[in-house]
Amino acid sequence: PTPLHGIMRQVEAMLAARTYDRLSRIKAPTLVLGGSADRITPCQNLRLLATKIPNSELVVLENLGHGMFLEGAEQSNRVILTFLKRHAMGQVV
């Protein structure tokens, strides 16, 4: 389990982050990935990120929560690896 001081530092970082206005400057291929049942990072947030980051790709994994990398390891790994292969060496296939 994450120690309390680790959780507190993460909350502090989230509250201090001021990056929303800079999302449109991202030039790298970007995968916005989340689960439809995530109560910590809701799908609305994923969609907002995807609309603000140029040429980003949004993938929502159905019925998975915030722990999607554990709950749906095979599915999330497949999505990530497919994305990375398409963007290997800076080339879009």
PDB file of N, CA and C in Angstrom:
ATOM      1  N   PRO A   1       0.823  -1.207   0.000  1.00  0.00           N
ATOM      2  CA  PRO A   1       0.000   0.000   0.000  1.00  0.00           C
ATOM      3  C   PRO A   1       0.863   1.267   0.000  1.00  0.00           C
ATOM      4  N   THR A   2       0.329   2.302  -0.605  1.00  0.00           N
ATOM      5  CA  THR A   2       1.034   3.581  -0.654  1.00  0.00           C
ATOM      6  C   THR A   2       1.015   4.219   0.728  1.00  0.00           C
ATOM      7  N   PRO A   3       2.182   4.645   1.225  1.00  0.00           N
ATOM      8  CA  PRO A   3       2.204   5.296   2.543  1.00  0.00           C
ATOM      9  C   PRO A   3       1.490   6.646   2.496  1.00  0.00           C
ATOM     10  N   LEU A   4       0.986   7.062   3.634  1.00  0.00           N
ATOM     11  CA  LEU A   4       0.227   8.309   3.723  1.00  0.00           C
ATOM     12  C   LEU A   4       1.018   9.502   3.195  1.00  0.00           C
ATOM     13  N   HIS A   5       2.318   9.594   3.536  1.00  0.00           N
ATOM     14  CA  HIS A   5       3.106  10.735   3.060  1.00  0.00           C
ATOM     15  C   HIS A   5       3.198  10.753   1.531  1.00  0.00           C
ATOM     16  N   GLY A   6       3.189   9.579   0.898  1.00  0.00           N
ATOM     17  CA  GLY A   6       3.207   9.509  -0.558  1.00  0.00           C
ATOM     18  C   GLY A   6       1.906  10.019  -1.159  1.00  0.00           C
ATOM     19  N   ILE A   7       0.806   9.646  -0.544  1.00  0.00           N
ATOM     20  CA  ILE A   7      -0.503  10.122  -1.003  1.00  0.00           C
ATOM     21  C   ILE A   7      -0.594  11.635  -0.851  1.00  0.00           C
ATOM     22  N   MET A   8      -0.125  12.141   0.283  1.00  0.00           N
ATOM     23  CA  MET A   8      -0.185  13.590   0.530  1.00  0.00           C
ATOM     24  C   MET A   8       0.646  14.358  -0.498  1.00  0.00           C
ATOM     25  N   ARG A   9       1.822  13.850  -0.848  1.00  0.00           N
ATOM     26  CA  ARG A   9       2.671  14.523  -1.849  1.00  0.00           C
ATOM     27  C   ARG A   9       1.994  14.505  -3.225  1.00  0.00           C
ATOM     28  N   GLN A  10       1.321  13.424  -3.525  1.00  0.00           N
ATOM     29  CA  GLN A  10       0.625  13.347  -4.809  1.00  0.00           C
ATOM     30  C   GLN A  10      -0.512  14.362  -4.862  1.00  0.00           C
ATOM     31  N   VAL A  11      -1.269  14.490  -3.793  1.00  0.00           N
ATOM     32  CA  VAL A  11      -2.357  15.472  -3.728  1.00  0.00           C
ATOM     33  C   VAL A  11      -1.788  16.883  -3.858  1.00  0.00           C
ATOM     34  N   GLU A  12      -0.690  17.169  -3.162  1.00  0.00           N
ATOM     35  CA  GLU A  12      -0.060  18.492  -3.259  1.00  0.00           C
ATOM     36  C   GLU A  12       0.359  18.793  -4.703  1.00  0.00           C
ATOM     37  N   ALA A  13       0.934  17.802  -5.368  1.00  0.00           N
ATOM     38  CA  ALA A  13       1.365  17.999  -6.752  1.00  0.00           C
ATOM     39  C   ALA A  13       0.186  18.258  -7.673  1.00  0.00           C
ATOM     40  N   MET A  14      -0.905  17.529  -7.465  1.00  0.00           N
ATOM     41  CA  MET A  14      -2.090  17.717  -8.306  1.00  0.00           C
ATOM     42  C   MET A  14      -2.684  19.107  -8.098  1.00  0.00           C
ATOM     43  N   LEU A  15      -2.718  19.568  -6.858  1.00  0.00           N
ATOM     44  CA  LEU A  15      -3.293  20.874  -6.569  1.00  0.00           C
ATOM     45  C   LEU A  15      -2.429  22.013  -7.106  1.00  0.00           C
ATOM     46  N   ALA A  16      -1.121  21.795  -7.170  1.00  0.00           N
ATOM     47  CA  ALA A  16      -0.201  22.846  -7.615  1.00  0.00           C
ATOM     48  C   ALA A  16      -0.009  22.860  -9.129  1.00  0.00           C
ATOM     49  N   ALA A  17      -0.373  21.793  -9.806  1.00  0.00           N
ATOM     50  CA  ALA A  17      -0.138  21.693 -11.251  1.00  0.00           C
ATOM     51  C   ALA A  17      -0.963  22.730 -12.007  1.00  0.00           C
ATOM     52  N   ARG A  18      -0.318  23.428 -12.898  1.00  0.00           N
ATOM     53  CA  ARG A  18      -0.979  24.425 -13.740  1.00  0.00           C
ATOM     54  C   ARG A  18      -0.561  24.177 -15.181  1.00  0.00           C
ATOM     55  N   THR A  19      -1.027  23.084 -15.748  1.00  0.00           N
ATOM     56  CA  THR A  19      -0.574  22.681 -17.083  1.00  0.00           C
ATOM     57  C   THR A  19      -1.663  22.707 -18.147  1.00  0.00           C
ATOM     58  N   TYR A  20      -2.899  22.928 -17.759  1.00  0.00           N
ATOM     59  CA  TYR A  20      -4.025  22.850 -18.683  1.00  0.00           C
ATOM     60  C   TYR A  20      -3.814  23.718 -19.928  1.00  0.00           C
ATOM     61  N   ASP A  21      -3.367  24.939 -19.745  1.00  0.00           N
ATOM     62  CA  ASP A  21      -3.198  25.858 -20.869  1.00  0.00           C
ATOM     63  C   ASP A  21      -2.046  25.473 -21.788  1.00  0.00           C
ATOM     64  N   ARG A  22      -1.191  24.554 -21.339  1.00  0.00           N
ATOM     65  CA  ARG A  22      -0.044  24.156 -22.153  1.00  0.00           C
ATOM     66  C   ARG A  22      -0.264  22.839 -22.893  1.00  0.00           C
ATOM     67  N   LEU A  23      -1.392  22.188 -22.680  1.00  0.00           N
ATOM     68  CA  LEU A  23      -1.643  20.900 -23.325  1.00  0.00           C
ATOM     69  C   LEU A  23      -1.597  20.997 -24.844  1.00  0.00           C
ATOM     70  N   SER A  24      -2.042  22.085 -25.390  1.00  0.00           N
ATOM     71  CA  SER A  24      -2.076  22.243 -26.852  1.00  0.00           C
ATOM     72  C   SER A  24      -0.681  22.326 -27.462  1.00  0.00           C
ATOM     73  N   ARG A  25       0.336  22.483 -26.648  1.00  0.00           N
ATOM     74  CA  ARG A  25       1.716  22.563 -27.150  1.00  0.00           C
ATOM     75  C   ARG A  25       2.387  21.197 -27.267  1.00  0.00           C
ATOM     76  N   ILE A  26       1.725  20.154 -26.804  1.00  0.00           N
ATOM     77  CA  ILE A  26       2.315  18.818 -26.877  1.00  0.00           C
ATOM     78  C   ILE A  26       2.404  18.398 -28.339  1.00  0.00           C
ATOM     79  N   LYS A  27       3.582  18.036 -28.767  1.00  0.00           N
ATOM     80  CA  LYS A  27       3.826  17.648 -30.165  1.00  0.00           C
ATOM     81  C   LYS A  27       3.985  16.139 -30.322  1.00  0.00           C
ATOM     82  N   ALA A  28       4.313  15.447 -29.260  1.00  0.00           N
ATOM     83  CA  ALA A  28       4.561  14.007 -29.326  1.00  0.00           C
ATOM     84  C   ALA A  28       3.252  13.242 -29.469  1.00  0.00           C
ATOM     85  N   PRO A  29       3.293  12.112 -30.155  1.00  0.00           N
ATOM     86  CA  PRO A  29       2.107  11.255 -30.192  1.00  0.00           C
ATOM     87  C   PRO A  29       1.701  10.931 -28.748  1.00  0.00           C
ATOM     88  N   THR A  30       0.441  11.086 -28.460  1.00  0.00           N
ATOM     89  CA  THR A  30      -0.025  10.948 -27.078  1.00  0.00           C
ATOM     90  C   THR A  30      -1.210   9.997 -27.009  1.00  0.00           C
ATOM     91  N   LEU A  31      -1.099   9.015 -26.125  1.00  0.00           N
ATOM     92  CA  LEU A  31      -2.182   8.089 -25.857  1.00  0.00           C
ATOM     93  C   LEU A  31      -2.841   8.510 -24.551  1.00  0.00           C
ATOM     94  N   VAL A  32      -4.124   8.808 -24.612  1.00  0.00           N
ATOM     95  CA  VAL A  32      -4.906   9.118 -23.410  1.00  0.00           C
ATOM     96  C   VAL A  32      -5.703   7.849 -23.116  1.00  0.00           C
ATOM     97  N   LEU A  33      -5.369   7.183 -22.024  1.00  0.00           N
ATOM     98  CA  LEU A  33      -5.907   5.867 -21.736  1.00  0.00           C
ATOM     99  C   LEU A  33      -6.516   5.839 -20.346  1.00  0.00           C
ATOM    100  N   GLY A  34      -7.698   5.271 -20.242  1.00  0.00           N
ATOM    101  CA  GLY A  34      -8.346   5.161 -18.940  1.00  0.00           C
ATOM    102  C   GLY A  34      -9.448   4.127 -18.972  1.00  0.00           C
ATOM    103  N   GLY A  35     -10.023   3.907 -17.812  1.00  0.00           N
ATOM    104  CA  GLY A  35     -11.098   2.934 -17.685  1.00  0.00           C
ATOM    105  C   GLY A  35     -12.444   3.613 -17.516  1.00  0.00           C
ATOM    106  N   SER A  36     -13.471   3.006 -18.072  1.00  0.00           N
ATOM    107  CA  SER A  36     -14.816   3.589 -18.003  1.00  0.00           C
ATOM    108  C   SER A  36     -15.377   3.603 -16.578  1.00  0.00           C
ATOM    109  N   ALA A  37     -14.862   2.742 -15.711  1.00  0.00           N
ATOM    110  CA  ALA A  37     -15.366   2.667 -14.337  1.00  0.00           C
ATOM    111  C   ALA A  37     -14.429   3.348 -13.336  1.00  0.00           C
ATOM    112  N   ASP A  38     -13.531   4.195 -13.833  1.00  0.00           N
ATOM    113  CA  ASP A  38     -12.573   4.892 -12.966  1.00  0.00           C
ATOM    114  C   ASP A  38     -13.278   6.008 -12.207  1.00  0.00           C
ATOM    115  N   ARG A  39     -13.258   5.938 -10.898  1.00  0.00           N
ATOM    116  CA  ARG A  39     -13.896   6.969 -10.073  1.00  0.00           C
ATOM    117  C   ARG A  39     -12.924   8.075  -9.686  1.00  0.00           C
ATOM    118  N   ILE A  40     -11.631   7.859  -9.913  1.00  0.00           N
ATOM    119  CA  ILE A  40     -10.619   8.865  -9.565  1.00  0.00           C
ATOM    120  C   ILE A  40     -10.356   9.788 -10.749  1.00  0.00           C
ATOM    121  N   THR A  41     -10.240   9.208 -11.937  1.00  0.00           N
ATOM    122  CA  THR A  41     -10.049   9.987 -13.160  1.00  0.00           C
ATOM    123  C   THR A  41     -11.203   9.651 -14.102  1.00  0.00           C
ATOM    124  N   PRO A  42     -12.299  10.381 -13.998  1.00  0.00           N
ATOM    125  CA  PRO A  42     -13.487  10.076 -14.799  1.00  0.00           C
ATOM    126  C   PRO A  42     -13.247  10.246 -16.300  1.00  0.00           C
ATOM    127  N   CYS A  43     -14.069   9.580 -17.087  1.00  0.00           N
ATOM    128  CA  CYS A  43     -13.960   9.639 -18.548  1.00  0.00           C
ATOM    129  C   CYS A  43     -14.054  11.067 -19.083  1.00  0.00           C
ATOM    130  N   GLN A  44     -14.814  11.918 -18.403  1.00  0.00           N
ATOM    131  CA  GLN A  44     -14.915  13.314 -18.866  1.00  0.00           C
ATOM    132  C   GLN A  44     -13.534  13.960 -18.884  1.00  0.00           C
ATOM    133  N   ASN A  45     -12.703  13.634 -17.896  1.00  0.00           N
ATOM    134  CA  ASN A  45     -11.352  14.192 -17.837  1.00  0.00           C
ATOM    135  C   ASN A  45     -10.507  13.662 -18.990  1.00  0.00           C
ATOM    136  N   LEU A  46     -10.657  12.376 -19.288  1.00  0.00           N
ATOM    137  CA  LEU A  46      -9.910  11.788 -20.403  1.00  0.00           C
ATOM    138  C   LEU A  46     -10.288  12.469 -21.712  1.00  0.00           C
ATOM    139  N   ARG A  47     -11.584  12.645 -21.916  1.00  0.00           N
ATOM    140  CA  ARG A  47     -12.059  13.286 -23.153  1.00  0.00           C
ATOM    141  C   ARG A  47     -11.553  14.718 -23.254  1.00  0.00           C
ATOM    142  N   LEU A  48     -11.553  15.424 -22.145  1.00  0.00           N
ATOM    143  CA  LEU A  48     -11.054  16.796 -22.132  1.00  0.00           C
ATOM    144  C   LEU A  48      -9.574  16.828 -22.510  1.00  0.00           C
ATOM    145  N   LEU A  49      -8.771  15.944 -21.910  1.00  0.00           N
ATOM    146  CA  LEU A  49      -7.351  15.867 -22.265  1.00  0.00           C
ATOM    147  C   LEU A  49      -7.180  15.594 -23.751  1.00  0.00           C
ATOM    148  N   ALA A  50      -7.928  14.643 -24.260  1.00  0.00           N
ATOM    149  CA  ALA A  50      -7.799  14.262 -25.671  1.00  0.00           C
ATOM    150  C   ALA A  50      -8.174  15.409 -26.608  1.00  0.00           C
ATOM    151  N   THR A  51      -9.146  16.231 -26.212  1.00  0.00           N
ATOM    152  CA  THR A  51      -9.508  17.363 -27.078  1.00  0.00           C
ATOM    153  C   THR A  51      -8.477  18.481 -27.012  1.00  0.00           C
ATOM    154  N   LYS A  52      -7.746  18.583 -25.924  1.00  0.00           N
ATOM    155  CA  LYS A  52      -6.759  19.651 -25.758  1.00  0.00           C
ATOM    156  C   LYS A  52      -5.382  19.299 -26.312  1.00  0.00           C
ATOM    157  N   ILE A  53      -5.074  18.003 -26.431  1.00  0.00           N
ATOM    158  CA  ILE A  53      -3.768  17.570 -26.933  1.00  0.00           C
ATOM    159  C   ILE A  53      -3.913  17.250 -28.417  1.00  0.00           C
ATOM    160  N   PRO A  54      -3.234  18.008 -29.282  1.00  0.00           N
ATOM    161  CA  PRO A  54      -3.362  17.801 -30.730  1.00  0.00           C
ATOM    162  C   PRO A  54      -2.984  16.379 -31.132  1.00  0.00           C
ATOM    163  N   ASN A  55      -3.774  15.808 -32.006  1.00  0.00           N
ATOM    164  CA  ASN A  55      -3.508  14.486 -32.568  1.00  0.00           C
ATOM    165  C   ASN A  55      -3.363  13.382 -31.523  1.00  0.00           C
ATOM    166  N   SER A  56      -3.986  13.562 -30.383  1.00  0.00           N
ATOM    167  CA  SER A  56      -3.928  12.510 -29.366  1.00  0.00           C
ATOM    168  C   SER A  56      -4.922  11.412 -29.709  1.00  0.00           C
ATOM    169  N   GLU A  57      -4.718  10.270 -29.099  1.00  0.00           N
ATOM    170  CA  GLU A  57      -5.606   9.138 -29.305  1.00  0.00           C
ATOM    171  C   GLU A  57      -6.226   8.765 -27.967  1.00  0.00           C
ATOM    172  N   LEU A  58      -7.545   8.733 -27.912  1.00  0.00           N
ATOM    173  CA  LEU A  58      -8.273   8.391 -26.688  1.00  0.00           C
ATOM    174  C   LEU A  58      -8.739   6.945 -26.758  1.00  0.00           C
ATOM    175  N   VAL A  59      -8.417   6.177 -25.720  1.00  0.00           N
ATOM    176  CA  VAL A  59      -8.906   4.802 -25.598  1.00  0.00           C
ATOM    177  C   VAL A  59      -9.478   4.642 -24.194  1.00  0.00           C
ATOM    178  N   VAL A  60     -10.745   4.274 -24.133  1.00  0.00           N
ATOM    179  CA  VAL A  60     -11.415   4.017 -22.857  1.00  0.00           C
ATOM    180  C   VAL A  60     -11.687   2.523 -22.779  1.00  0.00           C
ATOM    181  N   LEU A  61     -11.131   1.886 -21.764  1.00  0.00           N
ATOM    182  CA  LEU A  61     -11.311   0.453 -21.576  1.00  0.00           C
ATOM    183  C   LEU A  61     -12.565   0.231 -20.740  1.00  0.00           C
ATOM    184  N   GLU A  62     -13.511  -0.460 -21.318  1.00  0.00           N
ATOM    185  CA  GLU A  62     -14.816  -0.659 -20.680  1.00  0.00           C
ATOM    186  C   GLU A  62     -14.718  -1.481 -19.393  1.00  0.00           C
ATOM    187  N   ASN A  63     -15.489  -1.032 -18.414  1.00  0.00           N
ATOM    188  CA  ASN A  63     -15.649  -1.728 -17.134  1.00  0.00           C
ATOM    189  C   ASN A  63     -14.369  -1.855 -16.323  1.00  0.00           C
ATOM    190  N   LEU A  64     -13.365  -1.024 -16.600  1.00  0.00           N
ATOM    191  CA  LEU A  64     -12.137  -1.046 -15.809  1.00  0.00           C
ATOM    192  C   LEU A  64     -12.046   0.252 -15.017  1.00  0.00           C
ATOM    193  N   GLY A  65     -11.470   0.151 -13.832  1.00  0.00           N
ATOM    194  CA  GLY A  65     -11.338   1.303 -12.956  1.00  0.00           C
ATOM    195  C   GLY A  65      -9.945   1.896 -12.991  1.00  0.00           C
ATOM    196  N   HIS A  66      -9.595   2.605 -11.925  1.00  0.00           N
ATOM    197  CA  HIS A  66      -8.312   3.297 -11.837  1.00  0.00           C
ATOM    198  C   HIS A  66      -7.147   2.311 -11.838  1.00  0.00           C
ATOM    199  N   GLY A  67      -7.391   1.099 -11.409  1.00  0.00           N
ATOM    200  CA  GLY A  67      -6.361   0.070 -11.414  1.00  0.00           C
ATOM    201  C   GLY A  67      -6.372  -0.761 -12.686  1.00  0.00           C
ATOM    202  N   MET A  68      -6.679  -0.118 -13.810  1.00  0.00           N
ATOM    203  CA  MET A  68      -6.853  -0.843 -15.067  1.00  0.00           C
ATOM    204  C   MET A  68      -5.618  -1.623 -15.486  1.00  0.00           C
ATOM    205  N   PHE A  69      -4.430  -1.169 -15.071  1.00  0.00           N
ATOM    206  CA  PHE A  69      -3.215  -1.882 -15.456  1.00  0.00           C
ATOM    207  C   PHE A  69      -3.106  -3.227 -14.744  1.00  0.00           C
ATOM    208  N   LEU A  70      -3.793  -3.363 -13.617  1.00  0.00           N
ATOM    209  CA  LEU A  70      -3.841  -4.643 -12.916  1.00  0.00           C
ATOM    210  C   LEU A  70      -5.110  -5.401 -13.281  1.00  0.00           C
ATOM    211  N   GLU A  71      -6.241  -4.692 -13.241  1.00  0.00           N
ATOM    212  CA  GLU A  71      -7.545  -5.315 -13.531  1.00  0.00           C
ATOM    213  C   GLU A  71      -7.611  -5.866 -14.953  1.00  0.00           C
ATOM    214  N   GLY A  72      -7.094  -5.107 -15.876  1.00  0.00           N
ATOM    215  CA  GLY A  72      -7.146  -5.470 -17.292  1.00  0.00           C
ATOM    216  C   GLY A  72      -5.767  -5.404 -17.912  1.00  0.00           C
ATOM    217  N   ALA A  73      -4.812  -6.073 -17.275  1.00  0.00           N
ATOM    218  CA  ALA A  73      -3.409  -5.996 -17.713  1.00  0.00           C
ATOM    219  C   ALA A  73      -3.236  -6.372 -19.185  1.00  0.00           C
ATOM    220  N   GLU A  74      -3.841  -7.444 -19.602  1.00  0.00           N
ATOM    221  CA  GLU A  74      -3.676  -7.888 -20.985  1.00  0.00           C
ATOM    222  C   GLU A  74      -4.239  -6.859 -21.966  1.00  0.00           C
ATOM    223  N   GLN A  75      -5.414  -6.359 -21.659  1.00  0.00           N
ATOM    224  CA  GLN A  75      -6.075  -5.391 -22.539  1.00  0.00           C
ATOM    225  C   GLN A  75      -5.309  -4.064 -22.571  1.00  0.00           C
ATOM    226  N   SER A  76      -4.931  -3.533 -21.420  1.00  0.00           N
ATOM    227  CA  SER A  76      -4.230  -2.246 -21.384  1.00  0.00           C
ATOM    228  C   SER A  76      -2.845  -2.366 -22.009  1.00  0.00           C
ATOM    229  N   ASN A  77      -2.148  -3.480 -21.763  1.00  0.00           N
ATOM    230  CA  ASN A  77      -0.835  -3.679 -22.383  1.00  0.00           C
ATOM    231  C   ASN A  77      -0.948  -3.752 -23.902  1.00  0.00           C
ATOM    232  N   ARG A  78      -1.977  -4.422 -24.390  1.00  0.00           N
ATOM    233  CA  ARG A  78      -2.177  -4.540 -25.839  1.00  0.00           C
ATOM    234  C   ARG A  78      -2.377  -3.154 -26.465  1.00  0.00           C
ATOM    235  N   VAL A  79      -3.191  -2.322 -25.829  1.00  0.00           N
ATOM    236  CA  VAL A  79      -3.445  -0.976 -26.349  1.00  0.00           C
ATOM    237  C   VAL A  79      -2.150  -0.156 -26.371  1.00  0.00           C
ATOM    238  N   ILE A  80      -1.402  -0.221 -25.286  1.00  0.00           N
ATOM    239  CA  ILE A  80      -0.152   0.551 -25.182  1.00  0.00           C
ATOM    240  C   ILE A  80       0.872   0.065 -26.199  1.00  0.00           C
ATOM    241  N   LEU A  81       1.065  -1.241 -26.305  1.00  0.00           N
ATOM    242  CA  LEU A  81       2.047  -1.772 -27.246  1.00  0.00           C
ATOM    243  C   LEU A  81       1.668  -1.470 -28.694  1.00  0.00           C
ATOM    244  N   THR A  82       0.393  -1.555 -29.014  1.00  0.00           N
ATOM    245  CA  THR A  82      -0.068  -1.223 -30.366  1.00  0.00           C
ATOM    246  C   THR A  82       0.218   0.244 -30.679  1.00  0.00           C
ATOM    247  N   PHE A  83      -0.075   1.116 -29.721  1.00  0.00           N
ATOM    248  CA  PHE A  83       0.190   2.543 -29.893  1.00  0.00           C
ATOM    249  C   PHE A  83       1.684   2.782 -30.109  1.00  0.00           C
ATOM    250  N   LEU A  84       2.507   2.174 -29.268  1.00  0.00           N
ATOM    251  CA  LEU A  84       3.961   2.366 -29.372  1.00  0.00           C
ATOM    252  C   LEU A  84       4.507   1.841 -30.704  1.00  0.00           C
ATOM    253  N   LYS A  85       4.000   0.715 -31.163  1.00  0.00           N
ATOM    254  CA  LYS A  85       4.464   0.168 -32.447  1.00  0.00           C
ATOM    255  C   LYS A  85       4.099   1.099 -33.588  1.00  0.00           C
ATOM    256  N   ARG A  86       2.920   1.701 -33.525  1.00  0.00           N
ATOM    257  CA  ARG A  86       2.512   2.634 -34.590  1.00  0.00           C
ATOM    258  C   ARG A  86       3.374   3.880 -34.607  1.00  0.00           C
ATOM    259  N   HIS A  87       3.948   4.219 -33.490  1.00  0.00           N
ATOM    260  CA  HIS A  87       4.725   5.462 -33.395  1.00  0.00           C
ATOM    261  C   HIS A  87       6.210   5.202 -33.164  1.00  0.00           C
ATOM    262  N   ALA A  88       6.665   3.991 -33.468  1.00  0.00           N
ATOM    263  CA  ALA A  88       8.074   3.649 -33.283  1.00  0.00           C
ATOM    264  C   ALA A  88       8.964   4.523 -34.152  1.00  0.00           C
ATOM    265  N   MET A  89      10.050   4.967 -33.569  1.00  0.00           N
ATOM    266  CA  MET A  89      11.044   5.762 -34.287  1.00  0.00           C
ATOM    267  C   MET A  89      10.440   7.014 -34.919  1.00  0.00           C
ATOM    268  N   GLY A  90       9.376   7.538 -34.326  1.00  0.00           N
ATOM    269  CA  GLY A  90       8.798   8.773 -34.806  1.00  0.00           C
ATOM    270  C   GLY A  90       7.999   8.644 -36.086  1.00  0.00           C
ATOM    271  N   GLN A  91       7.760   7.411 -36.518  1.00  0.00           N
ATOM    272  CA  GLN A  91       7.008   7.203 -37.755  1.00  0.00           C
ATOM    273  C   GLN A  91       5.614   6.722 -37.445  1.00  0.00           C
ATOM    274  N   VAL A  92       4.648   7.295 -38.136  1.00  0.00           N
ATOM    275  CA  VAL A  92       3.261   6.853 -37.979  1.00  0.00           C
ATOM    276  C   VAL A  92       2.973   5.855 -39.084  1.00  0.00           C
ATOM    277  N   VAL A  93       2.505   4.672 -38.697  1.00  0.00           N
ATOM    278  CA  VAL A  93       2.218   3.624 -39.684  1.00  0.00           C
ATOM    279  C   VAL A  93       0.749   3.622 -39.993  1.00  0.00           C
TER     280      VAL A  93
END
